[in-house]
């Protein structure tokens, strides 16, 4: 099995072994919470047929 490519961890902000600053972590958590709230407002299930 090959190692994941360098872009695999971009979402987490990992640049090699660089550590995230607490402010970066907080911003990413807030961004994910906004995405989660937005997704919770969508109807669940298969899309309605036109």
N, C-alpha and C. Protein backbone atom coordinates (compact mmCIF):
# COMPACT_ATOMS: atom_id res chain seq x y z
N UNK A 1 0.86 -1.20 0.00
CA UNK A 1 0.00 0.00 0.00
C UNK A 1 0.89 1.25 0.00
N UNK A 2 0.55 2.19 -0.85
CA UNK A 2 1.37 3.40 -0.94
C UNK A 2 0.92 4.42 0.09
N UNK A 3 1.83 5.28 0.48
CA UNK A 3 1.50 6.34 1.43
C UNK A 3 0.60 7.36 0.75
N UNK A 4 -0.29 8.02 1.51
CA UNK A 4 -1.14 9.04 0.89
C UNK A 4 -0.30 10.17 0.31
N UNK A 5 -0.81 10.76 -0.74
CA UNK A 5 -0.10 11.86 -1.38
C UNK A 5 -0.01 13.07 -0.48
N UNK A 6 0.81 14.04 -0.86
CA UNK A 6 1.01 15.22 -0.01
C UNK A 6 -0.27 16.03 0.18
N UNK A 7 -1.23 15.90 -0.73
CA UNK A 7 -2.46 16.69 -0.61
C UNK A 7 -3.49 16.01 0.28
N UNK A 8 -3.23 14.79 0.70
CA UNK A 8 -4.24 14.04 1.44
C UNK A 8 -4.63 14.72 2.75
N UNK A 9 -3.68 15.45 3.36
CA UNK A 9 -3.97 16.05 4.66
C UNK A 9 -4.17 17.55 4.58
N UNK A 10 -4.32 18.08 3.36
CA UNK A 10 -4.48 19.53 3.21
C UNK A 10 -5.68 20.06 3.99
N UNK A 11 -6.76 19.27 4.05
CA UNK A 11 -7.97 19.73 4.74
C UNK A 11 -7.67 19.99 6.20
N UNK A 12 -6.77 19.20 6.77
CA UNK A 12 -6.44 19.36 8.18
C UNK A 12 -5.38 20.44 8.39
N UNK A 13 -4.85 20.97 7.31
CA UNK A 13 -3.84 22.00 7.43
C UNK A 13 -2.47 21.45 7.75
N UNK A 14 -2.23 20.17 7.49
CA UNK A 14 -0.93 19.57 7.79
C UNK A 14 0.03 19.83 6.65
N UNK A 15 1.10 20.52 6.93
CA UNK A 15 2.17 20.70 5.95
C UNK A 15 3.35 19.92 6.50
N UNK A 16 3.46 18.67 6.14
CA UNK A 16 4.50 17.84 6.72
C UNK A 16 4.25 17.68 8.21
N UNK A 17 5.22 18.05 9.02
CA UNK A 17 5.09 17.91 10.47
C UNK A 17 4.78 19.23 11.16
N UNK A 18 4.40 20.22 10.38
CA UNK A 18 4.10 21.53 10.97
C UNK A 18 2.93 21.42 11.94
N UNK A 19 3.06 22.03 13.09
CA UNK A 19 1.99 21.98 14.09
C UNK A 19 1.00 23.11 13.83
N UNK A 20 -0.28 22.82 14.04
CA UNK A 20 -1.30 23.85 13.91
C UNK A 20 -1.27 24.76 15.13
N UNK A 21 -1.44 26.03 14.88
CA UNK A 21 -1.58 26.98 15.99
C UNK A 21 -3.01 26.86 16.54
N UNK A 22 -3.19 27.16 17.84
CA UNK A 22 -4.55 27.08 18.42
C UNK A 22 -5.57 27.92 17.65
N UNK A 23 -5.16 29.07 17.15
CA UNK A 23 -6.08 29.92 16.39
C UNK A 23 -6.51 29.23 15.09
N UNK A 24 -5.57 28.56 14.43
CA UNK A 24 -5.91 27.84 13.20
C UNK A 24 -6.90 26.71 13.50
N UNK A 25 -6.67 26.02 14.61
CA UNK A 25 -7.56 24.92 14.99
C UNK A 25 -8.96 25.47 15.23
N UNK A 26 -9.05 26.59 15.96
CA UNK A 26 -10.36 27.17 16.27
C UNK A 26 -11.08 27.58 14.99
N UNK A 27 -10.34 28.20 14.05
CA UNK A 27 -10.96 28.62 12.80
C UNK A 27 -11.47 27.43 12.01
N UNK A 28 -10.71 26.33 11.99
CA UNK A 28 -11.14 25.15 11.25
C UNK A 28 -12.36 24.52 11.90
N UNK A 29 -12.40 24.50 13.23
CA UNK A 29 -13.56 23.95 13.93
C UNK A 29 -14.80 24.79 13.60
N UNK A 30 -14.66 26.12 13.63
CA UNK A 30 -15.80 26.97 13.31
C UNK A 30 -16.28 26.75 11.88
N UNK A 31 -15.34 26.60 10.94
CA UNK A 31 -15.71 26.36 9.55
C UNK A 31 -16.47 25.04 9.43
N UNK A 32 -15.98 24.00 10.12
CA UNK A 32 -16.66 22.70 10.05
C UNK A 32 -18.03 22.76 10.71
N UNK A 33 -18.16 23.52 11.80
CA UNK A 33 -19.46 23.64 12.45
C UNK A 33 -20.46 24.35 11.54
N UNK A 34 -19.99 25.38 10.80
CA UNK A 34 -20.89 26.06 9.86
C UNK A 34 -21.34 25.10 8.76
N UNK A 35 -20.40 24.31 8.25
CA UNK A 35 -20.77 23.34 7.22
C UNK A 35 -21.76 22.32 7.76
N UNK A 36 -21.55 21.90 9.00
CA UNK A 36 -22.45 20.92 9.60
C UNK A 36 -23.85 21.49 9.76
N UNK A 37 -23.94 22.73 10.27
CA UNK A 37 -25.26 23.35 10.44
C UNK A 37 -25.96 23.50 9.10
N UNK A 38 -25.19 23.87 8.05
CA UNK A 38 -25.79 24.04 6.74
C UNK A 38 -26.30 22.69 6.22
N UNK A 39 -25.53 21.63 6.46
CA UNK A 39 -25.94 20.32 5.95
C UNK A 39 -27.15 19.80 6.73
N UNK A 40 -27.29 20.19 7.99
CA UNK A 40 -28.43 19.74 8.79
C UNK A 40 -29.73 20.37 8.30
N UNK A 41 -29.64 21.50 7.59
CA UNK A 41 -30.85 22.16 7.12
C UNK A 41 -31.37 21.53 5.83
N UNK A 42 -30.54 20.71 5.17
CA UNK A 42 -30.97 20.08 3.93
C UNK A 42 -31.85 18.88 4.22
N UNK A 43 -32.82 18.61 3.38
CA UNK A 43 -33.61 17.39 3.56
C UNK A 43 -32.73 16.15 3.37
N UNK A 44 -32.98 15.14 4.15
CA UNK A 44 -32.18 13.92 4.08
C UNK A 44 -32.87 12.94 3.14
N UNK A 45 -32.06 12.17 2.43
CA UNK A 45 -32.63 11.17 1.53
C UNK A 45 -32.24 11.46 0.10
N UNK A 46 -32.68 10.61 -0.80
CA UNK A 46 -32.33 10.81 -2.21
C UNK A 46 -32.97 12.09 -2.74
N UNK A 47 -32.34 12.74 -3.70
CA UNK A 47 -32.92 13.96 -4.27
C UNK A 47 -34.25 13.67 -4.94
N UNK A 48 -35.15 14.62 -4.83
CA UNK A 48 -36.47 14.44 -5.45
C UNK A 48 -36.33 14.42 -6.97
N UNK A 49 -37.09 13.57 -7.59
CA UNK A 49 -37.03 13.51 -9.07
C UNK A 49 -37.77 14.70 -9.65
N UNK A 50 -37.23 15.26 -10.71
CA UNK A 50 -37.90 16.41 -11.33
C UNK A 50 -39.23 16.01 -11.98
